[in-house]
Amino acid sequence: MTHSMSDHTAGRPATPGDPEGIDPSVLDELTRLRDSIDNIDAAVVHMLAERFKCTQQVGHLKAAHRLPPADPAREARQIIRLRQLAESAKLDPGFAEKLLNFIIAEVIRHHETIARS
């Protein structure tokens, strides 16, 4: 006697990772949304890569002219600007600031490395 997977799961609620018992239209919508998230994540990675290409050029320019790796005045202006953009986009400005601070720290680290080489 053979048993299908549904024989073992019939009558019990679906568990995470177990799509049986979930309405197919819900699964379709979940898949559609997750595909969108995956595409957005890919776009974010590519945008960050482009941003870092630009900041690397800035780092080389600063190093060539013996400018400091960090520019606290510009960083402060950028944080204010990004917080305003986040508010208008209905994104938590605190989250946006944390993200930018993380990116700025990485950029400064790159600039310091470039200056030493």
N, C-alpha and C. Protein backbone atom coordinates (compact mmCIF):
# COMPACT_ATOMS: atom_id res chain seq x y z
N MET A 1 0.85 -1.17 0.00
CA MET A 1 0.00 0.00 0.00
C MET A 1 0.89 1.23 0.00
N THR A 2 0.65 2.14 -0.92
CA THR A 2 1.44 3.36 -1.00
C THR A 2 0.66 4.50 -0.38
N HIS A 3 1.41 5.41 0.22
CA HIS A 3 0.80 6.59 0.84
C HIS A 3 1.37 7.83 0.17
N SER A 4 0.51 8.75 -0.11
CA SER A 4 1.00 10.02 -0.63
C SER A 4 1.30 10.93 0.55
N MET A 5 2.03 12.00 0.27
CA MET A 5 2.37 12.95 1.32
C MET A 5 1.11 13.52 1.96
N SER A 6 0.06 13.70 1.17
CA SER A 6 -1.16 14.29 1.73
C SER A 6 -1.86 13.33 2.69
N ASP A 7 -1.62 12.01 2.53
CA ASP A 7 -2.20 11.06 3.48
C ASP A 7 -1.66 11.31 4.89
N HIS A 8 -0.40 11.70 4.98
CA HIS A 8 0.23 11.91 6.28
C HIS A 8 -0.06 13.29 6.86
N THR A 9 -0.46 14.21 6.00
CA THR A 9 -0.67 15.58 6.48
C THR A 9 -2.13 15.97 6.55
N ALA A 10 -2.99 15.09 6.07
CA ALA A 10 -4.42 15.42 6.07
C ALA A 10 -4.91 15.66 7.49
N GLY A 11 -5.66 16.70 7.65
CA GLY A 11 -6.27 16.97 8.94
C GLY A 11 -5.39 17.72 9.91
N ARG A 12 -4.14 18.00 9.55
CA ARG A 12 -3.31 18.79 10.46
C ARG A 12 -2.99 20.12 9.79
N PRO A 13 -2.80 21.15 10.58
CA PRO A 13 -2.51 22.45 9.99
C PRO A 13 -1.14 22.45 9.31
N ALA A 14 -1.00 23.30 8.30
CA ALA A 14 0.28 23.42 7.61
C ALA A 14 1.29 24.04 8.55
N THR A 15 2.53 23.61 8.42
CA THR A 15 3.61 24.17 9.22
C THR A 15 4.49 25.00 8.29
N PRO A 16 5.32 25.88 8.86
CA PRO A 16 6.21 26.68 8.01
C PRO A 16 7.04 25.78 7.11
N GLY A 17 7.11 26.14 5.83
CA GLY A 17 7.85 25.33 4.88
C GLY A 17 7.03 24.18 4.32
N ASP A 18 5.82 23.97 4.83
CA ASP A 18 4.94 22.90 4.38
C ASP A 18 3.71 23.55 3.75
N PRO A 19 3.70 23.66 2.41
CA PRO A 19 2.62 24.40 1.75
C PRO A 19 1.28 23.67 1.70
N GLU A 20 1.25 22.40 2.12
CA GLU A 20 -0.02 21.69 2.06
C GLU A 20 -1.02 22.33 3.02
N GLY A 21 -2.22 22.43 2.58
CA GLY A 21 -3.27 23.01 3.41
C GLY A 21 -3.40 24.51 3.22
N ILE A 22 -2.49 25.13 2.47
CA ILE A 22 -2.58 26.57 2.22
C ILE A 22 -3.28 26.77 0.88
N ASP A 23 -4.19 27.69 0.87
CA ASP A 23 -4.93 28.02 -0.35
C ASP A 23 -3.94 28.33 -1.48
N PRO A 24 -4.10 27.70 -2.65
CA PRO A 24 -3.18 27.94 -3.77
C PRO A 24 -3.09 29.41 -4.18
N SER A 25 -4.17 30.15 -4.04
CA SER A 25 -4.11 31.58 -4.40
C SER A 25 -3.21 32.34 -3.43
N VAL A 26 -3.20 31.90 -2.15
CA VAL A 26 -2.30 32.52 -1.17
C VAL A 26 -0.85 32.19 -1.52
N LEU A 27 -0.60 30.95 -1.89
CA LEU A 27 0.76 30.56 -2.29
C LEU A 27 1.21 31.33 -3.52
N ASP A 28 0.31 31.51 -4.49
CA ASP A 28 0.63 32.28 -5.69
C ASP A 28 1.00 33.72 -5.33
N GLU A 29 0.22 34.33 -4.45
CA GLU A 29 0.48 35.72 -4.04
C GLU A 29 1.79 35.81 -3.27
N LEU A 30 2.03 34.84 -2.40
CA LEU A 30 3.27 34.80 -1.63
C LEU A 30 4.47 34.68 -2.58
N THR A 31 4.36 33.82 -3.55
CA THR A 31 5.43 33.65 -4.54
C THR A 31 5.66 34.93 -5.32
N ARG A 32 4.57 35.58 -5.75
CA ARG A 32 4.68 36.83 -6.50
C ARG A 32 5.38 37.90 -5.67
N LEU A 33 4.98 38.03 -4.41
CA LEU A 33 5.59 39.04 -3.53
C LEU A 33 7.06 38.73 -3.27
N ARG A 34 7.36 37.46 -3.04
CA ARG A 34 8.75 37.08 -2.78
C ARG A 34 9.62 37.29 -4.02
N ASP A 35 9.06 37.05 -5.20
CA ASP A 35 9.81 37.32 -6.44
C ASP A 35 10.12 38.81 -6.54
N SER A 36 9.16 39.66 -6.18
CA SER A 36 9.39 41.10 -6.19
C SER A 36 10.47 41.48 -5.19
N ILE A 37 10.42 40.90 -4.01
CA ILE A 37 11.44 41.18 -2.99
C ILE A 37 12.82 40.78 -3.50
N ASP A 38 12.90 39.61 -4.13
CA ASP A 38 14.19 39.15 -4.67
C ASP A 38 14.72 40.12 -5.72
N ASN A 39 13.84 40.63 -6.59
CA ASN A 39 14.25 41.59 -7.61
C ASN A 39 14.71 42.90 -6.98
N ILE A 40 14.00 43.35 -5.96
CA ILE A 40 14.38 44.59 -5.27
C ILE A 40 15.73 44.40 -4.58
N ASP A 41 15.93 43.25 -3.92
CA ASP A 41 17.21 42.98 -3.27
C ASP A 41 18.36 43.02 -4.29
N ALA A 42 18.14 42.45 -5.46
CA ALA A 42 19.17 42.47 -6.50
C ALA A 42 19.46 43.90 -6.94
N ALA A 43 18.41 44.70 -7.09
CA ALA A 43 18.59 46.10 -7.48
C ALA A 43 19.35 46.88 -6.41
N VAL A 44 19.04 46.62 -5.15
CA VAL A 44 19.74 47.29 -4.04
C VAL A 44 21.23 46.95 -4.09
N VAL A 45 21.55 45.68 -4.29
CA VAL A 45 22.96 45.27 -4.34
C VAL A 45 23.67 45.97 -5.50
N HIS A 46 23.03 46.02 -6.65
CA HIS A 46 23.65 46.67 -7.82
C HIS A 46 23.80 48.17 -7.59
N MET A 47 22.83 48.79 -6.96
CA MET A 47 22.92 50.23 -6.67
C MET A 47 24.05 50.49 -5.67
N LEU A 48 24.16 49.64 -4.66
CA LEU A 48 25.26 49.81 -3.70
C LEU A 48 26.61 49.63 -4.39
N ALA A 49 26.70 48.68 -5.29
CA ALA A 49 27.95 48.47 -6.03
C ALA A 49 28.31 49.73 -6.82
N GLU A 50 27.33 50.33 -7.48
CA GLU A 50 27.56 51.57 -8.23
C GLU A 50 27.98 52.70 -7.29
N ARG A 51 27.33 52.78 -6.15
CA ARG A 51 27.67 53.82 -5.17
C ARG A 51 29.11 53.65 -4.73
N PHE A 52 29.52 52.42 -4.43
CA PHE A 52 30.89 52.18 -3.98
C PHE A 52 31.91 52.43 -5.08
N LYS A 53 31.54 52.23 -6.34
CA LYS A 53 32.46 52.59 -7.43
C LYS A 53 32.73 54.09 -7.39
N CYS A 54 31.69 54.88 -7.17
CA CYS A 54 31.86 56.33 -7.09
C CYS A 54 32.68 56.73 -5.87
N THR A 55 32.38 56.11 -4.72
CA THR A 55 33.11 56.49 -3.51
C THR A 55 34.57 56.05 -3.59
N GLN A 56 34.87 54.98 -4.33
CA GLN A 56 36.27 54.59 -4.53
C GLN A 56 37.01 55.68 -5.30
N GLN A 57 36.34 56.24 -6.31
CA GLN A 57 36.94 57.33 -7.07
C GLN A 57 37.18 58.55 -6.18
N VAL A 58 36.22 58.83 -5.30
CA VAL A 58 36.39 59.92 -4.34
C VAL A 58 37.60 59.63 -3.46
N GLY A 59 37.73 58.39 -3.00
CA GLY A 59 38.86 58.01 -2.15
C GLY A 59 40.19 58.23 -2.83
N HIS A 60 40.28 57.88 -4.11
CA HIS A 60 41.52 58.09 -4.86
C HIS A 60 41.81 59.58 -5.02
N LEU A 61 40.78 60.36 -5.29
CA LEU A 61 40.94 61.81 -5.43
C LEU A 61 41.41 62.43 -4.11
N LYS A 62 40.78 62.01 -3.01
CA LYS A 62 41.19 62.51 -1.69
C LYS A 62 42.63 62.13 -1.38
N ALA A 63 42.99 60.89 -1.66
CA ALA A 63 44.35 60.44 -1.38
C ALA A 63 45.37 61.22 -2.22
N ALA A 64 45.06 61.44 -3.48
CA ALA A 64 45.98 62.15 -4.37
C ALA A 64 46.21 63.59 -3.90
N HIS A 65 45.21 64.17 -3.24
CA HIS A 65 45.31 65.56 -2.80
C HIS A 65 45.45 65.68 -1.28
N ARG A 66 45.77 64.54 -0.66
CA ARG A 66 46.01 64.48 0.78
C ARG A 66 44.86 65.08 1.61
N LEU A 67 43.66 64.75 1.18
CA LEU A 67 42.47 65.16 1.93
C LEU A 67 42.11 64.05 2.92
N PRO A 68 41.49 64.40 4.03
CA PRO A 68 41.15 63.36 5.02
C PRO A 68 40.09 62.40 4.48
N PRO A 69 40.14 61.14 4.92
CA PRO A 69 39.18 60.14 4.44
C PRO A 69 37.73 60.48 4.82
N ALA A 70 37.53 61.10 5.96
CA ALA A 70 36.18 61.43 6.42
C ALA A 70 35.89 62.92 6.18
N ASP A 71 34.63 63.23 5.95
CA ASP A 71 34.17 64.61 5.81
C ASP A 71 32.92 64.75 6.67
N PRO A 72 33.11 65.01 7.97
CA PRO A 72 31.97 65.03 8.90
C PRO A 72 30.85 66.01 8.51
N ALA A 73 31.20 67.14 7.92
CA ALA A 73 30.16 68.12 7.54
C ALA A 73 29.28 67.53 6.42
N ARG A 74 29.92 66.93 5.43
CA ARG A 74 29.14 66.31 4.34
C ARG A 74 28.30 65.15 4.88
N GLU A 75 28.90 64.34 5.75
CA GLU A 75 28.17 63.21 6.31
C GLU A 75 26.93 63.68 7.06
N ALA A 76 27.05 64.75 7.82
CA ALA A 76 25.90 65.29 8.56
C ALA A 76 24.82 65.78 7.60
N ARG A 77 25.25 66.46 6.51
CA ARG A 77 24.26 66.91 5.50
C ARG A 77 23.56 65.73 4.85
N GLN A 78 24.34 64.69 4.56
CA GLN A 78 23.76 63.50 3.91
C GLN A 78 22.76 62.80 4.83
N ILE A 79 23.06 62.75 6.11
CA ILE A 79 22.13 62.11 7.06
C ILE A 79 20.82 62.89 7.11
N ILE A 80 20.91 64.21 7.19
CA ILE A 80 19.70 65.04 7.19
C ILE A 80 18.90 64.81 5.91
N ARG A 81 19.61 64.82 4.78
CA ARG A 81 18.95 64.63 3.48
C ARG A 81 18.28 63.26 3.39
N LEU A 82 19.00 62.22 3.83
CA LEU A 82 18.45 60.87 3.74
C LEU A 82 17.26 60.69 4.68
N ARG A 83 17.33 61.29 5.86
CA ARG A 83 16.18 61.21 6.79
C ARG A 83 14.94 61.85 6.15
N GLN A 84 15.13 62.99 5.46
CA GLN A 84 14.01 63.65 4.80
C GLN A 84 13.46 62.79 3.67
N LEU A 85 14.34 62.19 2.90
CA LEU A 85 13.91 61.29 1.82
C LEU A 85 13.14 60.11 2.40
N ALA A 86 13.64 59.56 3.49
CA ALA A 86 12.98 58.41 4.12
C ALA A 86 11.58 58.80 4.58
N GLU A 87 11.46 59.95 5.22
CA GLU A 87 10.13 60.39 5.68
C GLU A 87 9.17 60.51 4.52
N SER A 88 9.61 61.12 3.43
CA SER A 88 8.71 61.30 2.28
C SER A 88 8.37 59.97 1.62
N ALA A 89 9.24 58.96 1.79
CA ALA A 89 9.00 57.64 1.22
C ALA A 89 8.28 56.71 2.20
N LYS A 90 7.91 57.24 3.36
CA LYS A 90 7.22 56.45 4.40
C LYS A 90 8.11 55.31 4.92
N LEU A 91 9.42 55.62 5.04
CA LEU A 91 10.39 54.69 5.60
C LEU A 91 10.87 55.28 6.92
N ASP A 92 11.10 54.45 7.89
CA ASP A 92 11.57 54.91 9.19
C ASP A 92 12.88 55.68 9.02
N PRO A 93 12.89 56.99 9.35
CA PRO A 93 14.12 57.79 9.20
C PRO A 93 15.27 57.26 10.06
N GLY A 94 14.95 56.72 11.22
CA GLY A 94 15.99 56.14 12.07
C GLY A 94 16.68 54.97 11.40
N PHE A 95 15.89 54.13 10.75
CA PHE A 95 16.45 53.00 10.00
C PHE A 95 17.33 53.52 8.87
N ALA A 96 16.83 54.51 8.13
CA ALA A 96 17.60 55.07 7.02
C ALA A 96 18.93 55.65 7.51
N GLU A 97 18.89 56.31 8.66
CA GLU A 97 20.12 56.89 9.22
C GLU A 97 21.10 55.78 9.62
N LYS A 98 20.61 54.73 10.23
CA LYS A 98 21.49 53.61 10.60
C LYS A 98 22.13 53.00 9.36
N LEU A 99 21.34 52.83 8.32
CA LEU A 99 21.86 52.27 7.07
C LEU A 99 22.93 53.17 6.49
N LEU A 100 22.66 54.48 6.43
CA LEU A 100 23.65 55.40 5.87
C LEU A 100 24.91 55.43 6.73
N ASN A 101 24.76 55.41 8.05
CA ASN A 101 25.95 55.39 8.91
C ASN A 101 26.79 54.15 8.67
N PHE A 102 26.13 53.02 8.45
CA PHE A 102 26.85 51.78 8.14
C PHE A 102 27.62 51.93 6.82
N ILE A 103 26.97 52.49 5.82
CA ILE A 103 27.60 52.69 4.51
C ILE A 103 28.76 53.68 4.63
N ILE A 104 28.54 54.78 5.35
CA ILE A 104 29.59 55.79 5.51
C ILE A 104 30.82 55.17 6.19
N ALA A 105 30.60 54.37 7.21
CA ALA A 105 31.73 53.73 7.90
C ALA A 105 32.53 52.87 6.94
N GLU A 106 31.84 52.15 6.07
CA GLU A 106 32.52 51.30 5.09
C GLU A 106 33.28 52.16 4.08
N VAL A 107 32.69 53.26 3.64
CA VAL A 107 33.35 54.16 2.70
C VAL A 107 34.62 54.74 3.33
N ILE A 108 34.53 55.17 4.57
CA ILE A 108 35.70 55.74 5.25
C ILE A 108 36.80 54.68 5.36
N ARG A 109 36.41 53.46 5.69
CA ARG A 109 37.38 52.37 5.76
C ARG A 109 38.08 52.19 4.42
N HIS A 110 37.32 52.22 3.33
CA HIS A 110 37.91 52.12 1.99
C HIS A 110 38.86 53.29 1.74
N HIS A 111 38.43 54.51 2.09
CA HIS A 111 39.27 55.69 1.86
C HIS A 111 40.56 55.61 2.65
N GLU A 112 40.49 55.10 3.86
CA GLU A 112 41.70 54.94 4.67
C GLU A 112 42.66 53.93 4.03
N THR A 113 42.10 52.86 3.49
CA THR A 113 42.91 51.85 2.81
C THR A 113 43.57 52.44 1.57
N ILE A 114 42.81 53.20 0.81
CA ILE A 114 43.35 53.84 -0.40
C ILE A 114 44.45 54.81 -0.02
N ALA A 115 44.25 55.59 1.03
CA ALA A 115 45.25 56.59 1.45
C ALA A 115 46.55 55.92 1.87
N ARG A 116 46.47 54.73 2.46
CA ARG A 116 47.68 54.02 2.90
C ARG A 116 48.44 53.39 1.73
N SER A 117 47.75 53.15 0.62
CA SER A 117 48.42 52.44 -0.50
C SER A 117 49.12 53.40 -1.46
